[in-house]
Amino acid sequence: MKKIALCLLIAGTLSCQGTAQPKKETKTYSIVKTDSEWQEQLSDLSYYVLRQAGTERPFSNPYNKNYDAGTYVCKGCGTPLYKSDDKFDSGTGWPSFDRGFDANLEYDVDYKLGYARTELKCSTCGGHLGHMFDDGPRQTNGKRHCINSAALQFIPADEKK
């Protein structure tokens, strides 16, 4: 009887694979660097945001209130991500856009706070940009891309890249 109970216990333990979150496929990006290469290229804050999926403090960043015409590109690789025409003041303390260059954005799922959020990444280098929420302007598409300034570089419209 003890042997049967032991066998059932072992079988039950081994069968618990956990399917709450499916395993992610490892994506290969066209720009790949080592951690030390990223650290050399980026400021401490940009490295924390882009490479460690960190978040900068709200209302403490240079692009939250930037209303100049131009394009926001990935600070890590220069890929165009957002047009200034699609930026709006969400009142959250981070630059907010209702859309971006969709081909240059990767949408992932982030469970770090205990619930699912849509994480936004650069599709060229995999850098973390921020998150997408459904509380954006209703007159457009209702989306809000909440993006860290530390993940961006602004290219004014009158400047050639």
Protein backbone atom coordinates (compact mmCIF):
# COMPACT_ATOMS: atom_id res chain seq x y z
CA MET A 1 0.00 0.00 0.00
CA LYS A 2 2.86 2.36 0.86
CA LYS A 3 4.52 1.58 -2.48
CA ILE A 4 1.34 2.46 -4.41
CA ALA A 5 0.94 5.72 -2.49
CA LEU A 6 4.58 6.58 -3.11
CA CYS A 7 4.26 5.78 -6.83
CA LEU A 8 1.12 7.96 -7.08
CA LEU A 9 2.88 10.81 -5.27
CA ILE A 10 5.90 10.63 -7.59
CA ALA A 11 3.71 10.37 -10.70
CA GLY A 12 1.63 13.34 -9.57
CA THR A 13 4.70 15.44 -8.87
CA LEU A 14 6.30 14.65 -12.22
CA SER A 15 3.11 15.39 -14.14
CA CYS A 16 2.87 18.95 -12.74
CA GLN A 17 4.43 20.87 -15.62
CA GLY A 18 2.63 24.17 -14.96
CA THR A 19 0.90 25.68 -17.99
CA ALA A 20 -0.08 29.07 -16.56
CA GLN A 21 2.38 30.88 -18.85
CA PRO A 22 3.50 29.27 -22.07
CA LYS A 23 7.23 29.23 -22.69
CA LYS A 24 8.35 32.13 -24.86
CA GLU A 25 10.22 31.54 -28.04
CA THR A 26 13.57 33.27 -28.10
CA LYS A 27 13.43 35.94 -30.78
CA THR A 28 16.53 36.87 -32.70
CA TYR A 29 16.85 40.60 -33.36
CA SER A 30 18.78 42.13 -36.24
CA ILE A 31 20.90 44.14 -33.77
CA VAL A 32 22.46 42.01 -31.04
CA LYS A 33 25.07 43.24 -28.56
CA THR A 34 26.55 41.97 -25.33
CA ASP A 35 25.52 43.54 -22.03
CA SER A 36 28.88 45.27 -21.78
CA GLU A 37 28.46 46.73 -25.29
CA TRP A 38 25.00 48.07 -24.36
CA GLN A 39 26.36 49.50 -21.09
CA GLU A 40 29.16 51.27 -22.93
CA GLN A 41 26.73 52.76 -25.49
CA LEU A 42 23.85 53.77 -23.20
CA SER A 43 23.53 55.95 -20.11
CA ASP A 44 22.79 54.10 -16.87
CA LEU A 45 19.11 55.07 -17.05
CA SER A 46 18.73 54.12 -20.72
CA TYR A 47 20.42 50.78 -20.07
CA TYR A 48 18.10 50.15 -17.11
CA VAL A 49 15.01 50.92 -19.21
CA LEU A 50 15.96 49.39 -22.57
CA ARG A 51 17.90 46.31 -21.47
CA GLN A 52 16.43 45.55 -18.02
CA ALA A 53 12.80 46.56 -18.70
CA GLY A 54 12.96 49.29 -16.07
CA THR A 55 10.80 52.39 -15.77
CA GLU A 56 11.93 55.96 -15.27
CA ARG A 57 10.19 58.18 -12.73
CA PRO A 58 7.13 60.02 -14.10
CA PHE A 59 7.36 63.76 -14.78
CA SER A 60 11.17 63.57 -14.64
CA ASN A 61 11.95 63.02 -18.29
CA PRO A 62 12.78 65.31 -21.21
CA TYR A 63 10.19 64.18 -23.76
CA ASN A 64 7.01 64.22 -21.66
CA LYS A 65 6.33 67.88 -22.55
CA ASN A 66 8.18 67.99 -25.88
CA TYR A 67 5.75 69.30 -28.52
CA ASP A 68 8.24 69.88 -31.35
CA ALA A 69 7.66 68.27 -34.76
CA GLY A 70 9.83 65.27 -35.48
CA THR A 71 10.36 61.56 -35.02
CA TYR A 72 11.17 59.54 -31.92
CA VAL A 73 13.65 56.74 -32.56
CA CYS A 74 14.97 53.91 -30.40
CA LYS A 75 17.85 55.17 -28.23
CA GLY A 76 19.55 51.78 -28.62
CA CYS A 77 19.51 51.37 -32.38
CA GLY A 78 17.95 54.42 -34.08
CA THR A 79 14.88 52.61 -35.44
CA PRO A 80 11.98 55.07 -36.04
CA LEU A 81 9.21 54.34 -33.53
CA TYR A 82 6.82 57.29 -33.20
CA LYS A 83 5.86 60.50 -35.02
CA SER A 84 5.32 63.65 -32.98
CA ASP A 85 1.89 64.00 -34.68
CA ASP A 86 0.74 60.90 -32.78
CA LYS A 87 1.89 62.18 -29.35
CA PHE A 88 -0.62 63.46 -26.80
CA ASP A 89 -0.56 64.68 -23.20
CA SER A 90 -1.94 61.82 -21.12
CA GLY A 91 -1.18 63.48 -17.80
CA THR A 92 0.70 60.36 -16.67
CA GLY A 93 4.19 61.90 -16.67
CA TRP A 94 5.53 59.83 -19.57
CA PRO A 95 5.45 60.52 -23.31
CA SER A 96 2.27 59.01 -24.72
CA PHE A 97 1.36 58.14 -28.29
CA ASP A 98 -1.83 56.68 -29.73
CA ARG A 99 0.09 54.74 -32.39
CA GLY A 100 3.58 54.07 -33.68
CA PHE A 101 5.38 52.61 -36.67
CA ASP A 102 3.78 49.21 -36.20
CA ALA A 103 6.40 47.28 -38.21
CA ASN A 104 9.08 48.63 -35.83
CA LEU A 105 7.23 47.73 -32.62
CA GLU A 106 7.00 44.35 -30.94
CA TYR A 107 4.03 43.61 -28.71
CA ASP A 108 4.71 41.20 -25.85
CA VAL A 109 2.95 40.21 -22.63
CA ASP A 110 4.39 41.29 -19.30
CA TYR A 111 3.22 39.72 -16.00
CA LYS A 112 5.69 41.52 -13.71
CA LEU A 113 2.96 43.25 -11.69
CA GLY A 114 0.90 40.07 -11.33
CA TYR A 115 -1.43 40.73 -14.25
CA ALA A 116 -1.08 40.85 -18.01
CA ARG A 117 0.10 44.09 -19.61
CA THR A 118 1.08 44.70 -23.21
CA GLU A 119 4.81 45.43 -23.27
CA LEU A 120 6.19 47.45 -26.17
CA LYS A 121 9.66 46.67 -27.51
CA CYS A 122 11.78 47.81 -30.42
CA SER A 123 11.52 45.10 -33.07
CA THR A 124 15.09 45.77 -34.26
CA CYS A 125 17.06 45.46 -30.98
CA GLY A 126 14.46 44.13 -28.53
CA GLY A 127 14.80 47.14 -26.23
CA HIS A 128 11.98 47.70 -23.72
CA LEU A 129 10.10 50.91 -24.49
CA GLY A 130 7.09 50.87 -22.17
CA HIS A 131 3.53 49.52 -22.19
CA MET A 132 0.28 49.91 -24.13
CA PHE A 133 -3.06 50.60 -22.44
CA ASP A 134 -6.65 50.99 -23.61
CA ASP A 135 -7.18 54.44 -22.08
CA GLY A 136 -5.96 56.61 -24.94
CA PRO A 137 -7.89 59.19 -26.97
CA ARG A 138 -11.31 57.85 -27.99
CA GLN A 139 -11.37 60.12 -31.05
CA THR A 140 -8.49 58.11 -32.55
CA ASN A 141 -8.08 54.46 -31.52
CA GLY A 142 -8.33 54.48 -27.72
CA LYS A 143 -4.74 53.25 -27.32
CA ARG A 144 -2.01 54.80 -25.18
CA HIS A 145 1.61 53.82 -25.75
CA CYS A 146 3.21 54.88 -22.47
CA ILE A 147 6.90 55.19 -23.35
CA ASN A 148 10.01 55.93 -21.30
CA SER A 149 11.97 58.98 -22.54
CA ALA A 150 15.16 57.10 -21.68
CA ALA A 151 14.31 54.61 -24.43
CA LEU A 152 13.96 57.35 -27.04
CA GLN A 153 15.96 59.86 -29.02
CA PHE A 154 14.12 62.76 -30.66
CA ILE A 155 15.02 63.78 -34.21
CA PRO A 156 13.55 67.22 -35.07
CA ALA A 157 11.64 67.39 -38.36
CA ASP A 158 14.08 69.94 -39.82
CA GLU A 159 17.07 67.68 -39.10
CA LYS A 160 18.21 64.90 -41.40
CA LYS A 161 19.07 61.67 -39.65
